Amino acid sequence: MSEAPVAGPIRILLADDHALVRRGVRLILDGEPGLQVVAEAGHGAEAVELARAGGVDLAVLDIAMPRMTGLQAARELSARHPALRILMLTMYDNEQYLFQALKAGASGYVLKSVADRDLVAACRAAMRGEPFLYPAAVTALIRSYLDHGRRDEESGADGDPALTAREEEVLKLVAEGQSSKEIAGTLVISVKTVQRHRANLLHKLGLRDRLELTRYAIRVGLIEP
């Protein structure tokens, strides 16, 4: 259902770990009437922190960022700020990333390669409460829906088990090659707690080692392939 338009310019939070990309995207957005980038972040955790201060209507998030990915940030922002609209901006024309972005609460999925053509329209659609997907993404969604329907009828499978936010953080850092001690320092928890989370992940996901955890993290879009 569409909502009333925001009074004044749409205030945008832009998150990407490459300053040159942020500069280019900002030029596109600030050059359009009714759009204004009011905050910039270099990673997902910074985006979540900036959104906490308020004054933002729309978050445009890169998917692949250090410390906290755009997907993780989208989940946090959706949970903490339900009224905030979210768009994913990425170089990856990847079905798995697309599905994870929509599950995380994103209103749209925009490819960087056509950002000059699609991003402004995506921002306006998001603020109208409408989804924005490029044509190939719509096709992928329909195909996935039909495939899942067939698989569910045949096997009754429920999909991947749900991970807690902390388990997801640990999984991402493990997959990035950090040791238990390094993860403990990053997340400000004990090494024993990290080891417990890692054991829980292996058990919950039915995996055997770090390599399989890394493959899983790539498949669900936590890290880049």
C-alpha atoms as a PDB file:
ATOM      1  CA  MET A   1       0.000   0.000   0.000  1.00  0.00           C
ATOM      2  CA  SER A   2       1.410   3.414  -0.959  1.00  0.00           C
ATOM      3  CA  GLU A   3       2.045   6.055   1.684  1.00  0.00           C
ATOM      4  CA  ALA A   4       1.774   9.832   1.588  1.00  0.00           C
ATOM      5  CA  PRO A   5       4.844  11.483   0.065  1.00  0.00           C
ATOM      6  CA  VAL A   6       7.539  12.847   2.367  1.00  0.00           C
ATOM      7  CA  ALA A   7       7.338  16.632   2.857  1.00  0.00           C
ATOM      8  CA  GLY A   8      10.463  18.295   1.509  1.00  0.00           C
ATOM      9  CA  PRO A   9      13.353  16.490  -0.177  1.00  0.00           C
ATOM     10  CA  ILE A  10      13.835  12.748   0.338  1.00  0.00           C
ATOM     11  CA  ARG A  11      16.752  12.488   2.782  1.00  0.00           C
ATOM     12  CA  ILE A  12      19.117   9.710   1.759  1.00  0.00           C
ATOM     13  CA  LEU A  13      21.762   7.743   3.668  1.00  0.00           C
ATOM     14  CA  LEU A  14      24.361   6.361   1.223  1.00  0.00           C
ATOM     15  CA  ALA A  15      26.623   3.468   2.262  1.00  0.00           C
ATOM     16  CA  ASP A  16      29.473   2.089   0.135  1.00  0.00           C
ATOM     17  CA  ASP A  17      33.046   1.245   1.128  1.00  0.00           C
ATOM     18  CA  HIS A  18      34.485   2.977  -1.960  1.00  0.00           C
ATOM     19  CA  ALA A  19      34.648   6.764  -1.678  1.00  0.00           C
ATOM     20  CA  LEU A  20      34.737   7.210  -5.467  1.00  0.00           C
ATOM     21  CA  VAL A  21      31.546   5.182  -5.856  1.00  0.00           C
ATOM     22  CA  ARG A  22      29.839   7.246  -3.142  1.00  0.00           C
ATOM     23  CA  ARG A  23      30.901  10.427  -4.899  1.00  0.00           C
ATOM     24  CA  GLY A  24      29.494   9.274  -8.227  1.00  0.00           C
ATOM     25  CA  VAL A  25      26.214   8.064  -6.731  1.00  0.00           C
ATOM     26  CA  ARG A  26      25.874  11.264  -4.745  1.00  0.00           C
ATOM     27  CA  LEU A  27      26.228  13.308  -7.935  1.00  0.00           C
ATOM     28  CA  ILE A  28      23.388  11.310  -9.504  1.00  0.00           C
ATOM     29  CA  LEU A  29      21.088  11.708  -6.506  1.00  0.00           C
ATOM     30  CA  ASP A  30      21.846  15.294  -5.528  1.00  0.00           C
ATOM     31  CA  GLY A  31      21.382  16.333  -9.138  1.00  0.00           C
ATOM     32  CA  GLU A  32      17.720  15.328  -9.033  1.00  0.00           C
ATOM     33  CA  PRO A  33      14.971  17.556  -7.606  1.00  0.00           C
ATOM     34  CA  GLY A  34      13.534  16.253  -4.357  1.00  0.00           C
ATOM     35  CA  LEU A  35      16.503  13.980  -3.538  1.00  0.00           C
ATOM     36  CA  GLN A  36      19.282  14.856  -1.106  1.00  0.00           C
ATOM     37  CA  VAL A  37      22.114  12.737   0.312  1.00  0.00           C
ATOM     38  CA  VAL A  38      22.384  13.821   3.953  1.00  0.00           C
ATOM     39  CA  ALA A  39      24.741  11.139   5.300  1.00  0.00           C
ATOM     40  CA  GLU A  40      27.466   8.800   4.001  1.00  0.00           C
ATOM     41  CA  ALA A  41      28.853   5.591   5.499  1.00  0.00           C
ATOM     42  CA  GLY A  42      31.810   3.390   4.594  1.00  0.00           C
ATOM     43  CA  HIS A  43      30.351   0.158   5.940  1.00  0.00           C
ATOM     44  CA  GLY A  44      27.124  -1.333   7.227  1.00  0.00           C
ATOM     45  CA  ALA A  45      27.764  -0.783  10.926  1.00  0.00           C
ATOM     46  CA  GLU A  46      28.368   2.924  10.306  1.00  0.00           C
ATOM     47  CA  ALA A  47      25.144   3.115   8.299  1.00  0.00           C
ATOM     48  CA  VAL A  48      23.179   1.588  11.185  1.00  0.00           C
ATOM     49  CA  GLU A  49      24.751   4.081  13.589  1.00  0.00           C
ATOM     50  CA  LEU A  50      23.998   7.065  11.366  1.00  0.00           C
ATOM     51  CA  ALA A  51      20.388   5.958  10.883  1.00  0.00           C
ATOM     52  CA  ARG A  52      19.967   5.841  14.648  1.00  0.00           C
ATOM     53  CA  ALA A  53      20.388   9.619  14.759  1.00  0.00           C
ATOM     54  CA  GLY A  54      17.284  10.003  12.577  1.00  0.00           C
ATOM     55  CA  GLY A  55      16.666  12.492   9.820  1.00  0.00           C
ATOM     56  CA  VAL A  56      16.836   9.850   7.066  1.00  0.00           C
ATOM     57  CA  ASP A  57      13.993   8.615   4.845  1.00  0.00           C
ATOM     58  CA  LEU A  58      15.854   6.204   2.575  1.00  0.00           C
ATOM     59  CA  ALA A  59      19.026   4.108   2.884  1.00  0.00           C
ATOM     60  CA  VAL A  60      20.941   3.119  -0.259  1.00  0.00           C
ATOM     61  CA  LEU A  61      23.289   0.284   0.700  1.00  0.00           C
ATOM     62  CA  ASP A  62      26.052  -1.502  -1.172  1.00  0.00           C
ATOM     63  CA  ILE A  63      25.815  -5.259  -0.618  1.00  0.00           C
ATOM     64  CA  ALA A  64      29.525  -6.087  -0.248  1.00  0.00           C
ATOM     65  CA  MET A  65      31.050  -4.008   2.563  1.00  0.00           C
ATOM     66  CA  PRO A  66      33.518  -4.847   5.357  1.00  0.00           C
ATOM     67  CA  ARG A  67      32.616  -5.351   9.037  1.00  0.00           C
ATOM     68  CA  MET A  68      28.877  -5.472   8.307  1.00  0.00           C
ATOM     69  CA  THR A  69      27.494  -6.131   4.827  1.00  0.00           C
ATOM     70  CA  GLY A  70      24.646  -4.210   3.278  1.00  0.00           C
ATOM     71  CA  LEU A  71      22.437  -7.265   3.778  1.00  0.00           C
ATOM     72  CA  GLN A  72      23.185  -7.376   7.499  1.00  0.00           C
ATOM     73  CA  ALA A  73      22.678  -3.618   7.771  1.00  0.00           C
ATOM     74  CA  ALA A  74      19.351  -3.898   5.939  1.00  0.00           C
ATOM     75  CA  ARG A  75      18.114  -6.469   8.484  1.00  0.00           C
ATOM     76  CA  GLU A  76      19.177  -4.231  11.366  1.00  0.00           C
ATOM     77  CA  LEU A  77      17.618  -1.134   9.844  1.00  0.00           C
ATOM     78  CA  SER A  78      14.373  -2.925   8.975  1.00  0.00           C
ATOM     79  CA  ALA A  79      14.051  -4.150  12.550  1.00  0.00           C
ATOM     80  CA  ARG A  80      14.975  -0.854  14.237  1.00  0.00           C
ATOM     81  CA  HIS A  81      13.423   1.634  11.806  1.00  0.00           C
ATOM     82  CA  PRO A  82      10.394   0.067  10.084  1.00  0.00           C
ATOM     83  CA  ALA A  83       9.482   3.330   8.339  1.00  0.00           C
ATOM     84  CA  LEU A  84      12.921   3.641   6.716  1.00  0.00           C
ATOM     85  CA  ARG A  85      12.974   2.606   3.044  1.00  0.00           C
ATOM     86  CA  ILE A  86      15.956   0.554   1.869  1.00  0.00           C
ATOM     87  CA  LEU A  87      17.517   0.029  -1.564  1.00  0.00           C
ATOM     88  CA  MET A  88      20.408  -2.307  -2.358  1.00  0.00           C
ATOM     89  CA  LEU A  89      22.989  -1.000  -4.848  1.00  0.00           C
ATOM     90  CA  THR A  90      25.370  -3.646  -6.178  1.00  0.00           C
ATOM     91  CA  MET A  91      27.581  -4.748  -9.043  1.00  0.00           C
ATOM     92  CA  TYR A  92      26.281  -8.321  -8.667  1.00  0.00           C
ATOM     93  CA  ASP A  93      23.523  -9.528 -10.970  1.00  0.00           C
ATOM     94  CA  ASN A  94      23.131 -12.487  -8.636  1.00  0.00           C
ATOM     95  CA  GLU A  95      19.879 -14.247  -7.790  1.00  0.00           C
ATOM     96  CA  GLN A  96      21.010 -15.301  -4.308  1.00  0.00           C
ATOM     97  CA  TYR A  97      21.927 -11.721  -3.364  1.00  0.00           C
ATOM     98  CA  LEU A  98      18.619 -10.520  -4.803  1.00  0.00           C
ATOM     99  CA  PHE A  99      16.581 -12.961  -2.713  1.00  0.00           C
ATOM    100  CA  GLN A 100      18.571 -12.216   0.445  1.00  0.00           C
ATOM    101  CA  ALA A 101      18.107  -8.466  -0.102  1.00  0.00           C
ATOM    102  CA  LEU A 102      14.334  -8.795  -0.377  1.00  0.00           C
ATOM    103  CA  LYS A 103      14.226 -11.049   2.701  1.00  0.00           C
ATOM    104  CA  ALA A 104      16.287  -8.437   4.565  1.00  0.00           C
ATOM    105  CA  GLY A 105      13.621  -5.811   3.932  1.00  0.00           C
ATOM    106  CA  ALA A 106      14.915  -3.994   0.855  1.00  0.00           C
ATOM    107  CA  SER A 107      12.361  -2.276  -1.379  1.00  0.00           C
ATOM    108  CA  GLY A 108      14.531  -2.617  -4.454  1.00  0.00           C
ATOM    109  CA  TYR A 109      17.708  -3.980  -6.019  1.00  0.00           C
ATOM    110  CA  VAL A 110      19.675  -1.721  -8.372  1.00  0.00           C
ATOM    111  CA  LEU A 111      22.749  -2.671 -10.418  1.00  0.00           C
ATOM    112  CA  LYS A 112      25.636  -0.192 -10.302  1.00  0.00           C
ATOM    113  CA  SER A 113      26.177  -0.687 -14.033  1.00  0.00           C
ATOM    114  CA  VAL A 114      22.853   1.051 -14.730  1.00  0.00           C
ATOM    115  CA  ALA A 115      22.618   3.232 -11.631  1.00  0.00           C
ATOM    116  CA  ASP A 116      22.551   6.394 -13.752  1.00  0.00           C
ATOM    117  CA  ARG A 117      19.419   5.027 -15.432  1.00  0.00           C
ATOM    118  CA  ASP A 118      17.615   3.199 -12.614  1.00  0.00           C
ATOM    119  CA  LEU A 119      18.637   4.597  -9.234  1.00  0.00           C
ATOM    120  CA  VAL A 120      16.535   7.760  -9.220  1.00  0.00           C
ATOM    121  CA  ALA A 121      13.435   5.842 -10.338  1.00  0.00           C
ATOM    122  CA  ALA A 122      14.151   3.223  -7.643  1.00  0.00           C
ATOM    123  CA  CYS A 123      14.388   5.908  -4.944  1.00  0.00           C
ATOM    124  CA  ARG A 124      11.078   7.438  -5.947  1.00  0.00           C
ATOM    125  CA  ALA A 125       9.397   4.025  -6.166  1.00  0.00           C
ATOM    126  CA  ALA A 126      10.667   3.053  -2.709  1.00  0.00           C
ATOM    127  CA  MET A 127       9.268   6.229  -1.182  1.00  0.00           C
ATOM    128  CA  ARG A 128       5.903   5.486  -2.788  1.00  0.00           C
ATOM    129  CA  GLY A 129       5.953   2.102  -1.079  1.00  0.00           C
ATOM    130  CA  GLU A 130       6.494   0.279  -4.366  1.00  0.00           C
ATOM    131  CA  PRO A 131       9.159  -2.359  -5.162  1.00  0.00           C
ATOM    132  CA  PHE A 132      11.792  -1.729  -7.817  1.00  0.00           C
ATOM    133  CA  LEU A 133      13.464  -4.584  -9.691  1.00  0.00           C
ATOM    134  CA  TYR A 134      15.195  -4.656 -13.061  1.00  0.00           C
ATOM    135  CA  PRO A 135      13.524  -6.992 -15.627  1.00  0.00           C
ATOM    136  CA  ALA A 136      15.907  -9.952 -15.193  1.00  0.00           C
ATOM    137  CA  ALA A 137      15.333  -9.844 -11.434  1.00  0.00           C
ATOM    138  CA  VAL A 138      11.583 -10.110 -11.900  1.00  0.00           C
ATOM    139  CA  THR A 139      12.123 -13.148 -14.107  1.00  0.00           C
ATOM    140  CA  ALA A 140      14.415 -14.697 -11.485  1.00  0.00           C
ATOM    141  CA  LEU A 141      11.849 -14.131  -8.741  1.00  0.00           C
ATOM    142  CA  ILE A 142       9.066 -15.774 -10.712  1.00  0.00           C
ATOM    143  CA  ARG A 143      11.282 -18.727 -11.631  1.00  0.00           C
ATOM    144  CA  SER A 144      12.417 -19.159  -8.026  1.00  0.00           C
ATOM    145  CA  TYR A 145       8.837 -19.002  -6.739  1.00  0.00           C
ATOM    146  CA  LEU A 146       7.741 -21.696  -9.151  1.00  0.00           C
ATOM    147  CA  ASP A 147      10.809 -23.869  -8.439  1.00  0.00           C
ATOM    148  CA  HIS A 148      10.355 -23.574  -4.677  1.00  0.00           C
ATOM    149  CA  GLY A 149       6.706 -24.462  -4.990  1.00  0.00           C
ATOM    150  CA  ARG A 150       7.581 -27.629  -6.866  1.00  0.00           C
ATOM    151  CA  ARG A 151      10.355 -28.587  -4.441  1.00  0.00           C
ATOM    152  CA  ASP A 152       8.162 -27.986  -1.400  1.00  0.00           C
ATOM    153  CA  GLU A 153       5.454 -30.196  -2.859  1.00  0.00           C
ATOM    154  CA  GLU A 154       7.977 -32.948  -3.608  1.00  0.00           C
ATOM    155  CA  SER A 155      10.064 -32.859  -0.421  1.00  0.00           C
ATOM    156  CA  GLY A 156       8.385 -30.617   2.151  1.00  0.00           C
ATOM    157  CA  ALA A 157      11.727 -28.897   2.709  1.00  0.00           C
ATOM    158  CA  ASP A 158      11.711 -25.807   4.921  1.00  0.00           C
ATOM    159  CA  GLY A 159      14.966 -24.214   3.632  1.00  0.00           C
ATOM    160  CA  ASP A 160      17.989 -23.064   5.609  1.00  0.00           C
ATOM    161  CA  PRO A 161      17.811 -22.859   9.397  1.00  0.00           C
ATOM    162  CA  ALA A 162      17.506 -19.367  10.865  1.00  0.00           C
ATOM    163  CA  LEU A 163      20.667 -17.897  12.383  1.00  0.00           C
ATOM    164  CA  THR A 164      20.775 -15.334  15.168  1.00  0.00           C
ATOM    165  CA  ALA A 165      22.293 -11.918  14.412  1.00  0.00           C
ATOM    166  CA  ARG A 166      25.373 -12.817  16.471  1.00  0.00           C
ATOM    167  CA  GLU A 167      25.780 -16.194  14.727  1.00  0.00           C
ATOM    168  CA  GLU A 168      25.611 -14.391  11.394  1.00  0.00           C
ATOM    169  CA  GLU A 169      28.320 -11.931  12.493  1.00  0.00           C
ATOM    170  CA  VAL A 170      30.575 -14.777  13.607  1.00  0.00           C
ATOM    171  CA  LEU A 171      29.913 -16.704  10.384  1.00  0.00           C
ATOM    172  CA  LYS A 172      30.891 -13.709   8.241  1.00  0.00           C
ATOM    173  CA  LEU A 173      34.139 -13.160  10.149  1.00  0.00           C
ATOM    174  CA  VAL A 174      35.034 -16.863  10.139  1.00  0.00           C
ATOM    175  CA  ALA A 175      34.444 -16.962   6.377  1.00  0.00           C
ATOM    176  CA  GLU A 176      36.676 -13.892   5.967  1.00  0.00           C
ATOM    177  CA  GLY A 177      39.517 -15.875   7.549  1.00  0.00           C
ATOM    178  CA  GLN A 178      39.650 -14.292  11.003  1.00  0.00           C
ATOM    179  CA  SER A 179      40.872 -16.428  13.905  1.00  0.00           C
ATOM    180  CA  SER A 180      38.778 -16.956  17.039  1.00  0.00           C
ATOM    181  CA  LYS A 181      40.974 -14.428  18.862  1.00  0.00           C
ATOM    182  CA  GLU A 182      40.536 -11.822  16.097  1.00  0.00           C
ATOM    183  CA  ILE A 183      36.769 -12.360  16.021  1.00  0.00           C
ATOM    184  CA  ALA A 184      36.624 -11.991  19.800  1.00  0.00           C
ATOM    185  CA  GLY A 185      38.426  -8.658  19.506  1.00  0.00           C
ATOM    186  CA  THR A 186      36.195  -7.428  16.680  1.00  0.00           C
ATOM    187  CA  LEU A 187      32.933  -8.318  18.431  1.00  0.00           C
ATOM    188  CA  VAL A 188      34.190  -7.591  21.979  1.00  0.00           C
ATOM    189  CA  ILE A 189      33.326 -11.069  23.282  1.00  0.00           C
ATOM    190  CA  SER A 190      35.443 -13.869  24.731  1.00  0.00           C
ATOM    191  CA  VAL A 191      37.301 -16.456  22.644  1.00  0.00           C
ATOM    192  CA  LYS A 192      35.266 -19.162  24.379  1.00  0.00           C
ATOM    193  CA  THR A 193      32.041 -17.454  23.265  1.00  0.00           C
ATOM    194  CA  VAL A 194      33.328 -17.283  19.676  1.00  0.00           C
ATOM    195  CA  GLN A 195      34.168 -20.997  19.782  1.00  0.00           C
ATOM    196  CA  ARG A 196      30.704 -21.787  21.126  1.00  0.00           C
ATOM    197  CA  HIS A 197      29.043 -19.781  18.333  1.00  0.00           C
ATOM    198  CA  ARG A 198      31.221 -21.528  15.752  1.00  0.00           C
ATOM    199  CA  ALA A 199      30.297 -24.955  17.127  1.00  0.00           C
ATOM    200  CA  ASN A 200      26.618 -23.978  17.101  1.00  0.00           C
ATOM    201  CA  LEU A 201      26.909 -22.843  13.491  1.00  0.00           C
ATOM    202  CA  LEU A 202      28.479 -26.118  12.381  1.00  0.00           C
ATOM    203  CA  HIS A 203      25.796 -28.106  14.202  1.00  0.00           C
ATOM    204  CA  LYS A 204      22.853 -25.946  13.085  1.00  0.00           C
ATOM    205  CA  LEU A 205      23.938 -25.876   9.431  1.00  0.00           C
ATOM    206  CA  GLY A 206      25.099 -29.487   9.328  1.00  0.00           C
ATOM    207  CA  LEU A 207      28.602 -28.479   8.202  1.00  0.00           C
ATOM    208  CA  ARG A 208      32.026 -29.856   9.094  1.00  0.00           C
ATOM    209  CA  ASP A 209      34.679 -27.140   8.916  1.00  0.00           C
ATOM    210  CA  ARG A 210      35.693 -23.559   8.058  1.00  0.00           C
ATOM    211  CA  LEU A 211      35.742 -24.282   4.316  1.00  0.00           C
ATOM    212  CA  GLU A 212      32.120 -25.404   4.327  1.00  0.00           C
ATOM    213  CA  LEU A 213      31.167 -22.403   6.473  1.00  0.00           C
ATOM    214  CA  THR A 214      32.859 -20.142   3.921  1.00  0.00           C
ATOM    215  CA  ARG A 215      30.987 -21.749   1.025  1.00  0.00           C
ATOM    216  CA  TYR A 216      27.720 -21.314   2.906  1.00  0.00           C
ATOM    217  CA  ALA A 217      28.499 -17.645   3.655  1.00  0.00           C
ATOM    218  CA  ILE A 218      29.097 -17.016  -0.065  1.00  0.00           C
ATOM    219  CA  ARG A 219      25.880 -18.811  -1.021  1.00  0.00           C
ATOM    220  CA  VAL A 220      23.715 -16.688   1.295  1.00  0.00           C
ATOM    221  CA  GLY A 221      25.464 -13.437   0.348  1.00  0.00           C
ATOM    222  CA  LEU A 222      27.407 -12.671   3.539  1.00  0.00           C
ATOM    223  CA  ILE A 223      30.727 -12.407   1.692  1.00  0.00           C
ATOM    224  CA  GLU A 224      31.795 -11.984  -1.902  1.00  0.00           C
ATOM    225  CA  PRO A 225      32.652 -15.082  -3.985  1.00  0.00           C
END
